[in-house]
Each structure stands twice: as C-alpha cells, then as structure tokens.
PDB file of N, CA and C in Angstrom:
ATOM      1  N   MET A   1      89.772  39.507   2.052  1.00  0.00           N
ATOM      2  CA  MET A   1      88.906  38.346   2.143  1.00  0.00           C
ATOM      3  C   MET A   1      88.987  37.714   3.530  1.00  0.00           C
ATOM      4  N   ARG A   2      90.129  37.756   4.130  1.00  0.00           N
ATOM      5  CA  ARG A   2      90.314  37.141   5.447  1.00  0.00           C
ATOM      6  C   ARG A   2      89.356  37.758   6.479  1.00  0.00           C
ATOM      7  N   ASP A   3      89.245  39.069   6.457  1.00  0.00           N
ATOM      8  CA  ASP A   3      88.373  39.765   7.394  1.00  0.00           C
ATOM      9  C   ASP A   3      86.908  39.407   7.128  1.00  0.00           C
ATOM     10  N   GLU A   4      86.548  39.291   5.872  1.00  0.00           N
ATOM     11  CA  GLU A   4      85.184  38.919   5.509  1.00  0.00           C
ATOM     12  C   GLU A   4      84.862  37.496   5.947  1.00  0.00           C
ATOM     13  N   GLU A   5      85.836  36.604   5.841  1.00  0.00           N
ATOM     14  CA  GLU A   5      85.636  35.222   6.270  1.00  0.00           C
ATOM     15  C   GLU A   5      85.405  35.155   7.784  1.00  0.00           C
ATOM     16  N   ARG A   6      86.180  35.915   8.530  1.00  0.00           N
ATOM     17  CA  ARG A   6      86.016  35.946   9.985  1.00  0.00           C
ATOM     18  C   ARG A   6      84.635  36.486  10.367  1.00  0.00           C
ATOM     19  N   LYS A   7      84.210  37.529   9.671  1.00  0.00           N
ATOM     20  CA  LYS A   7      82.886  38.093   9.945  1.00  0.00           C
ATOM     21  C   LYS A   7      81.793  37.073   9.644  1.00  0.00           C
ATOM     22  N   ALA A   8      81.944  36.347   8.546  1.00  0.00           N
ATOM     23  CA  ALA A   8      80.959  35.335   8.163  1.00  0.00           C
ATOM     24  C   ALA A   8      80.927  34.200   9.186  1.00  0.00           C
ATOM     25  N   GLN A   9      82.096  33.781   9.657  1.00  0.00           N
ATOM     26  CA  GLN A   9      82.162  32.724  10.658  1.00  0.00           C
ATOM     27  C   GLN A   9      81.522  33.184  11.968  1.00  0.00           C
ATOM     28  N   ARG A  10      81.818  34.407  12.366  1.00  0.00           N
ATOM     29  CA  ARG A  10      81.258  34.952  13.599  1.00  0.00           C
ATOM     30  C   ARG A  10      79.730  35.043  13.489  1.00  0.00           C
ATOM     31  N   ALA A  11      79.259  35.490  12.342  1.00  0.00           N
ATOM     32  CA  ALA A  11      77.811  35.586  12.130  1.00  0.00           C
ATOM     33  C   ALA A  11      77.171  34.198  12.186  1.00  0.00           C
ATOM     34  N   GLY A  12      77.848  33.203  11.629  1.00  0.00           N
ATOM     35  CA  GLY A  12      77.343  31.826  11.676  1.00  0.00           C
ATOM     36  C   GLY A  12      77.271  31.298  13.096  1.00  0.00           C
ATOM     37  N   ARG A  13      78.307  31.581  13.888  1.00  0.00           N
ATOM     38  CA  ARG A  13      78.312  31.147  15.293  1.00  0.00           C
ATOM     39  C   ARG A  13      77.203  31.841  16.073  1.00  0.00           C
ATOM     40  N   GLN A  14      77.041  33.120  15.837  1.00  0.00           N
ATOM     41  CA  GLN A  14      75.992  33.861  16.537  1.00  0.00           C
ATOM     42  C   GLN A  14      74.610  33.315  16.187  1.00  0.00           C
ATOM     43  N   MET A  15      74.422  32.990  14.914  1.00  0.00           N
ATOM     44  CA  MET A  15      73.145  32.442  14.484  1.00  0.00           C
ATOM     45  C   MET A  15      72.889  31.095  15.163  1.00  0.00           C
ATOM     46  N   GLN A  16      73.923  30.244  15.240  1.00  0.00           N
ATOM     47  CA  GLN A  16      73.777  28.942  15.889  1.00  0.00           C
ATOM     48  C   GLN A  16      73.513  29.109  17.385  1.00  0.00           C
ATOM     49  N   GLU A  17      74.213  30.027  18.035  1.00  0.00           N
ATOM     50  CA  GLU A  17      73.995  30.280  19.459  1.00  0.00           C
ATOM     51  C   GLU A  17      72.575  30.771  19.710  1.00  0.00           C
ATOM     52  N   ARG A  18      72.108  31.622  18.839  1.00  0.00           N
ATOM     53  CA  ARG A  18      70.748  32.143  18.969  1.00  0.00           C
ATOM     54  C   ARG A  18      69.724  31.036  18.773  1.00  0.00           C
ATOM     55  N   ARG A  19      69.966  30.185  17.821  1.00  0.00           N
ATOM     56  CA  ARG A  19      69.069  29.060  17.567  1.00  0.00           C
ATOM     57  C   ARG A  19      69.052  28.108  18.765  1.00  0.00           C
ATOM     58  N   ASP A  20      70.218  27.825  19.335  1.00  0.00           N
ATOM     59  CA  ASP A  20      70.303  26.969  20.521  1.00  0.00           C
ATOM     60  C   ASP A  20      69.569  27.601  21.702  1.00  0.00           C
ATOM     61  N   ALA A  21      69.742  28.901  21.880  1.00  0.00           N
ATOM     62  CA  ALA A  21      69.071  29.605  22.972  1.00  0.00           C
ATOM     63  C   ALA A  21      67.558  29.563  22.780  1.00  0.00           C
ATOM     64  N   TYR A  22      67.109  29.705  21.569  1.00  0.00           N
ATOM     65  CA  TYR A  22      65.682  29.658  21.281  1.00  0.00           C
ATOM     66  C   TYR A  22      65.131  28.270  21.598  1.00  0.00           C
ATOM     67  N   GLY A  23      65.894  27.242  21.263  1.00  0.00           N
ATOM     68  CA  GLY A  23      65.487  25.873  21.589  1.00  0.00           C
ATOM     69  C   GLY A  23      65.357  25.673  23.091  1.00  0.00           C
ATOM     70  N   ARG A  24      66.316  26.182  23.846  1.00  0.00           N
ATOM     71  CA  ARG A  24      66.238  26.080  25.309  1.00  0.00           C
ATOM     72  C   ARG A  24      65.036  26.858  25.841  1.00  0.00           C
ATOM     73  N   PHE A  25      64.777  28.007  25.241  1.00  0.00           N
ATOM     74  CA  PHE A  25      63.629  28.814  25.638  1.00  0.00           C
ATOM     75  C   PHE A  25      62.316  28.069  25.392  1.00  0.00           C
ATOM     76  N   LEU A  26      62.187  27.449  24.229  1.00  0.00           N
ATOM     77  CA  LEU A  26      60.970  26.694  23.927  1.00  0.00           C
ATOM     78  C   LEU A  26      60.770  25.539  24.908  1.00  0.00           C
ATOM     79  N   ALA A  27      61.847  24.806  25.181  1.00  0.00           N
ATOM     80  CA  ALA A  27      61.744  23.680  26.114  1.00  0.00           C
ATOM     81  C   ALA A  27      61.385  24.159  27.510  1.00  0.00           C
ATOM     82  N   ALA A  28      62.002  25.239  27.967  1.00  0.00           N
ATOM     83  CA  ALA A  28      61.705  25.773  29.296  1.00  0.00           C
ATOM     84  C   ALA A  28      60.274  26.285  29.365  1.00  0.00           C
ATOM     85  N   SER A  29      59.797  26.921  28.307  1.00  0.00           N
ATOM     86  CA  SER A  29      58.423  27.420  28.282  1.00  0.00           C
ATOM     87  C   SER A  29      57.425  26.274  28.333  1.00  0.00           C
ATOM     88  N   ALA A  30      57.683  25.246  27.560  1.00  0.00           N
ATOM     89  CA  ALA A  30      56.784  24.088  27.557  1.00  0.00           C
ATOM     90  C   ALA A  30      56.788  23.408  28.922  1.00  0.00           C
ATOM     91  N   THR A  31      57.938  23.332  29.572  1.00  0.00           N
ATOM     92  CA  THR A  31      58.020  22.746  30.907  1.00  0.00           C
ATOM     93  C   THR A  31      57.202  23.556  31.898  1.00  0.00           C
ATOM     94  N   PHE A  32      57.319  24.869  31.839  1.00  0.00           N
ATOM     95  CA  PHE A  32      56.565  25.724  32.757  1.00  0.00           C
ATOM     96  C   PHE A  32      55.060  25.563  32.541  1.00  0.00           C
ATOM     97  N   ILE A  33      54.632  25.568  31.308  1.00  0.00           N
ATOM     98  CA  ILE A  33      53.208  25.407  31.006  1.00  0.00           C
ATOM     99  C   ILE A  33      52.716  24.059  31.519  1.00  0.00           C
ATOM    100  N   ASN A  34      53.529  23.037  31.306  1.00  0.00           N
ATOM    101  CA  ASN A  34      53.153  21.702  31.765  1.00  0.00           C
ATOM    102  C   ASN A  34      53.046  21.656  33.286  1.00  0.00           C
ATOM    103  N   LYS A  35      53.986  22.265  33.988  1.00  0.00           N
ATOM    104  CA  LYS A  35      53.941  22.267  35.454  1.00  0.00           C
ATOM    105  C   LYS A  35      52.679  22.958  35.959  1.00  0.00           C
ATOM    106  N   ALA A  36      52.359  24.081  35.384  1.00  0.00           N
ATOM    107  CA  ALA A  36      51.156  24.800  35.802  1.00  0.00           C
ATOM    108  C   ALA A  36      49.910  23.968  35.558  1.00  0.00           C
ATOM    109  N   THR A  37      49.845  23.298  34.440  1.00  0.00           N
ATOM    110  CA  THR A  37      48.704  22.455  34.114  1.00  0.00           C
ATOM    111  C   THR A  37      48.612  21.282  35.070  1.00  0.00           C
ATOM    112  N   GLU A  38      49.746  20.657  35.356  1.00  0.00           N
ATOM    113  CA  GLU A  38      49.745  19.497  36.257  1.00  0.00           C
ATOM    114  C   GLU A  38      49.346  19.883  37.674  1.00  0.00           C
ATOM    115  N   VAL A  39      49.808  21.021  38.150  1.00  0.00           N
ATOM    116  CA  VAL A  39      49.421  21.474  39.483  1.00  0.00           C
ATOM    117  C   VAL A  39      47.911  21.659  39.547  1.00  0.00           C
ATOM    118  N   ARG A  40      47.353  22.260  38.525  1.00  0.00           N
ATOM    119  CA  ARG A  40      45.895  22.460  38.471  1.00  0.00           C
ATOM    120  C   ARG A  40      45.175  21.114  38.467  1.00  0.00           C
ATOM    121  N   THR A  41      45.665  20.174  37.684  1.00  0.00           N
ATOM    122  CA  THR A  41      45.044  18.850  37.613  1.00  0.00           C
ATOM    123  C   THR A  41      45.133  18.133  38.953  1.00  0.00           C
ATOM    124  N   ILE A  42      46.279  18.200  39.578  1.00  0.00           N
ATOM    125  CA  ILE A  42      46.461  17.540  40.881  1.00  0.00           C
ATOM    126  C   ILE A  42      45.522  18.143  41.918  1.00  0.00           C
ATOM    127  N   ARG A  43      45.422  19.454  41.925  1.00  0.00           N
ATOM    128  CA  ARG A  43      44.523  20.113  42.883  1.00  0.00           C
ATOM    129  C   ARG A  43      43.073  19.692  42.642  1.00  0.00           C
ATOM    130  N   ARG A  44      42.687  19.598  41.412  1.00  0.00           N
ATOM    131  CA  ARG A  44      41.317  19.201  41.093  1.00  0.00           C
ATOM    132  C   ARG A  44      41.062  17.751  41.512  1.00  0.00           C
ATOM    133  N   LEU A  45      42.030  16.860  41.239  1.00  0.00           N
ATOM    134  CA  LEU A  45      41.868  15.459  41.609  1.00  0.00           C
ATOM    135  C   LEU A  45      41.871  15.275  43.126  1.00  0.00           C
ATOM    136  N   ALA A  46      42.717  16.022  43.798  1.00  0.00           N
ATOM    137  CA  ALA A  46      42.866  15.860  45.246  1.00  0.00           C
ATOM    138  C   ALA A  46      41.673  16.404  46.022  1.00  0.00           C
ATOM    139  N   THR A  47      40.923  17.328  45.448  1.00  0.00           N
ATOM    140  CA  THR A  47      39.833  17.949  46.189  1.00  0.00           C
ATOM    141  C   THR A  47      38.456  17.442  45.784  1.00  0.00           C
ATOM    142  N   GLY A  48      38.397  16.550  44.830  1.00  0.00           N
ATOM    143  CA  GLY A  48      37.104  16.031  44.390  1.00  0.00           C
ATOM    144  C   GLY A  48      36.487  15.101  45.422  1.00  0.00           C
ATOM    145  N   LEU A  49      35.174  14.936  45.367  1.00  0.00           N
ATOM    146  CA  LEU A  49      34.487  14.042  46.297  1.00  0.00           C
ATOM    147  C   LEU A  49      34.894  12.596  46.096  1.00  0.00           C
ATOM    148  N   MET A  50      34.975  12.199  44.850  1.00  0.00           N
ATOM    149  CA  MET A  50      35.357  10.824  44.527  1.00  0.00           C
ATOM    150  C   MET A  50      36.673  10.862  43.769  1.00  0.00           C
ATOM    151  N   SER A  51      37.720  11.207  44.459  1.00  0.00           N
ATOM    152  CA  SER A  51      39.023  11.338  43.825  1.00  0.00           C
ATOM    153  C   SER A  51      39.455   9.999  43.221  1.00  0.00           C
ATOM    154  N   PRO A  52      39.686   9.974  41.897  1.00  0.00           N
ATOM    155  CA  PRO A  52      40.041   8.711  41.242  1.00  0.00           C
ATOM    156  C   PRO A  52      41.462   8.246  41.567  1.00  0.00           C
ATOM    157  N   THR A  53      42.273   9.118  42.094  1.00  0.00           N
ATOM    158  CA  THR A  53      43.655   8.757  42.393  1.00  0.00           C
ATOM    159  C   THR A  53      44.101   9.433  43.669  1.00  0.00           C
ATOM    160  N   ARG A  54      45.013   8.819  44.325  1.00  0.00           N
ATOM    161  CA  ARG A  54      45.588   9.409  45.528  1.00  0.00           C
ATOM    162  C   ARG A  54      47.075   9.637  45.272  1.00  0.00           C
ATOM    163  N   ILE A  55      47.457  10.879  45.299  1.00  0.00           N
ATOM    164  CA  ILE A  55      48.857  11.249  45.120  1.00  0.00           C
ATOM    165  C   ILE A  55      49.345  11.750  46.471  1.00  0.00           C
ATOM    166  N   LYS A  56      50.318  11.057  47.028  1.00  0.00           N
ATOM    167  CA  LYS A  56      50.797  11.412  48.360  1.00  0.00           C
ATOM    168  C   LYS A  56      51.505  12.759  48.375  1.00  0.00           C
ATOM    169  N   ASP A  57      52.356  12.982  47.394  1.00  0.00           N
ATOM    170  CA  ASP A  57      53.110  14.230  47.333  1.00  0.00           C
ATOM    171  C   ASP A  57      52.986  14.800  45.919  1.00  0.00           C
ATOM    172  N   GLY A  58      52.104  15.778  45.770  1.00  0.00           N
ATOM    173  CA  GLY A  58      51.848  16.350  44.453  1.00  0.00           C
ATOM    174  C   GLY A  58      53.056  17.024  43.840  1.00  0.00           C
ATOM    175  N   VAL A  59      53.855  17.696  44.672  1.00  0.00           N
ATOM    176  CA  VAL A  59      55.043  18.377  44.165  1.00  0.00           C
ATOM    177  C   VAL A  59      56.049  17.366  43.622  1.00  0.00           C
ATOM    178  N   GLU A  60      56.273  16.286  44.358  1.00  0.00           N
ATOM    179  CA  GLU A  60      57.202  15.252  43.890  1.00  0.00           C
ATOM    180  C   GLU A  60      56.702  14.610  42.605  1.00  0.00           C
ATOM    181  N   PHE A  61      55.394  14.418  42.511  1.00  0.00           N
ATOM    182  CA  PHE A  61      54.804  13.854  41.298  1.00  0.00           C
ATOM    183  C   PHE A  61      55.102  14.734  40.088  1.00  0.00           C
ATOM    184  N   VAL A  62      54.877  16.040  40.229  1.00  0.00           N
ATOM    185  CA  VAL A  62      55.124  16.981  39.129  1.00  0.00           C
ATOM    186  C   VAL A  62      56.604  17.021  38.781  1.00  0.00           C
ATOM    187  N   GLN A  63      57.469  17.028  39.785  1.00  0.00           N
ATOM    188  CA  GLN A  63      58.909  17.058  39.516  1.00  0.00           C
ATOM    189  C   GLN A  63      59.351  15.815  38.755  1.00  0.00           C
ATOM    190  N   GLN A  64      58.893  14.641  39.189  1.00  0.00           N
ATOM    191  CA  GLN A  64      59.246  13.392  38.502  1.00  0.00           C
ATOM    192  C   GLN A  64      58.698  13.384  37.078  1.00  0.00           C
ATOM    193  N   PHE A  65      57.477  13.821  36.911  1.00  0.00           N
ATOM    194  CA  PHE A  65      56.865  13.871  35.587  1.00  0.00           C
ATOM    195  C   PHE A  65      57.681  14.746  34.646  1.00  0.00           C
ATOM    196  N   ASN A  66      58.086  15.912  35.127  1.00  0.00           N
ATOM    197  CA  ASN A  66      58.847  16.829  34.282  1.00  0.00           C
ATOM    198  C   ASN A  66      60.261  16.341  34.005  1.00  0.00           C
ATOM    199  N   ARG A  67      60.863  15.621  34.953  1.00  0.00           N
ATOM    200  CA  ARG A  67      62.183  15.025  34.666  1.00  0.00           C
ATOM    201  C   ARG A  67      62.069  14.030  33.524  1.00  0.00           C
ATOM    202  N   GLU A  68      61.003  13.260  33.527  1.00  0.00           N
ATOM    203  CA  GLU A  68      60.789  12.281  32.465  1.00  0.00           C
ATOM    204  C   GLU A  68      60.408  12.937  31.142  1.00  0.00           C
ATOM    205  N   LEU A  69      59.787  14.097  31.212  1.00  0.00           N
ATOM    206  CA  LEU A  69      59.340  14.797  30.007  1.00  0.00           C
ATOM    207  C   LEU A  69      60.443  15.632  29.355  1.00  0.00           C
ATOM    208  N   GLU A  70      61.477  15.963  30.103  1.00  0.00           N
ATOM    209  CA  GLU A  70      62.526  16.870  29.611  1.00  0.00           C
ATOM    210  C   GLU A  70      63.164  16.438  28.284  1.00  0.00           C
ATOM    211  N   PRO A  71      63.538  15.155  28.109  1.00  0.00           N
ATOM    212  CA  PRO A  71      64.118  14.760  26.811  1.00  0.00           C
ATOM    213  C   PRO A  71      63.157  14.976  25.643  1.00  0.00           C
ATOM    214  N   LEU A  72      61.882  14.723  25.881  1.00  0.00           N
ATOM    215  CA  LEU A  72      60.893  14.934  24.825  1.00  0.00           C
ATOM    216  C   LEU A  72      60.801  16.404  24.444  1.00  0.00           C
ATOM    217  N   LEU A  73      60.805  17.285  25.433  1.00  0.00           N
ATOM    218  CA  LEU A  73      60.720  18.715  25.141  1.00  0.00           C
ATOM    219  C   LEU A  73      61.967  19.205  24.398  1.00  0.00           C
ATOM    220  N   GLY A  74      63.129  18.680  24.778  1.00  0.00           N
ATOM    221  CA  GLY A  74      64.358  19.035  24.068  1.00  0.00           C
ATOM    222  C   GLY A  74      64.305  18.590  22.609  1.00  0.00           C
ATOM    223  N   ALA A  75      63.829  17.379  22.410  1.00  0.00           N
ATOM    224  CA  ALA A  75      63.715  16.871  21.040  1.00  0.00           C
ATOM    225  C   ALA A  75      62.680  17.662  20.248  1.00  0.00           C
ATOM    226  N   TRP A  76      61.588  18.003  20.902  1.00  0.00           N
ATOM    227  CA  TRP A  76      60.535  18.790  20.249  1.00  0.00           C
ATOM    228  C   TRP A  76      61.078  20.130  19.762  1.00  0.00           C
ATOM    229  N   SER A  77      61.837  20.818  20.603  1.00  0.00           N
ATOM    230  CA  SER A  77      62.365  22.106  20.177  1.00  0.00           C
ATOM    231  C   SER A  77      63.398  21.943  19.073  1.00  0.00           C
ATOM    232  N   ALA A  78      64.184  20.867  19.115  1.00  0.00           N
ATOM    233  CA  ALA A  78      65.176  20.625  18.066  1.00  0.00           C
ATOM    234  C   ALA A  78      64.488  20.388  16.714  1.00  0.00           C
ATOM    235  N   VAL A  79      63.388  19.652  16.728  1.00  0.00           N
ATOM    236  CA  VAL A  79      62.667  19.376  15.485  1.00  0.00           C
ATOM    237  C   VAL A  79      62.082  20.668  14.914  1.00  0.00           C
ATOM    238  N   TRP A  80      61.505  21.489  15.769  1.00  0.00           N
ATOM    239  CA  TRP A  80      60.888  22.719  15.290  1.00  0.00           C
ATOM    240  C   TRP A  80      61.903  23.724  14.783  1.00  0.00           C
ATOM    241  N   LEU A  81      63.139  23.609  15.235  1.00  0.00           N
ATOM    242  CA  LEU A  81      64.157  24.563  14.806  1.00  0.00           C
ATOM    243  C   LEU A  81      65.030  24.032  13.677  1.00  0.00           C
ATOM    244  N   ALA A  82      64.803  22.793  13.294  1.00  0.00           N
ATOM    245  CA  ALA A  82      65.621  22.184  12.231  1.00  0.00           C
ATOM    246  C   ALA A  82      65.272  22.761  10.879  1.00  0.00           C
TER     247      ALA A  82
END
C-alpha cells in the first residue's frame, strides 16, 4: 500500500503542476493576443486623419496596459481551471 500511496501522491502533484502550467499558458496567450490587438489599434489611431488620441509612446502604453491587465488574466485562467 505504501508504494501505491506514493504513486497516487506523485500523480496528484503532476496533475496540479500540469493544471498550473496550463493556467500560465492561458494567461500568457491572452496577454500576447491583447498586445497584438493593442498594437494594431494604436497604429490605426496614430495614422488616422483625425486621430482622437495622441499617444506619445505606443510601446510604453501597451506595456503599462498589460502590466495592469496581468492580475485579471491570472484570475481568469484560475476561474476557468477551477
């Protein structure tokens, strides 16, 4: 029984590690998709004739936006994996 218990514990840890990795993967994927979308939006806004907004540094804007979005993406992946 001792050997079976160890195998069961190891399988449980592996399952939890896999679930955690999947959560990180989902958050990273959502961040990447968001960055690509924001870059496209910034380029469109910056090149329009009547640009409704002026962003001095588009890269810094996207980086700040994603830093603020990171907790939400982490929570989102945790909810979907619960």
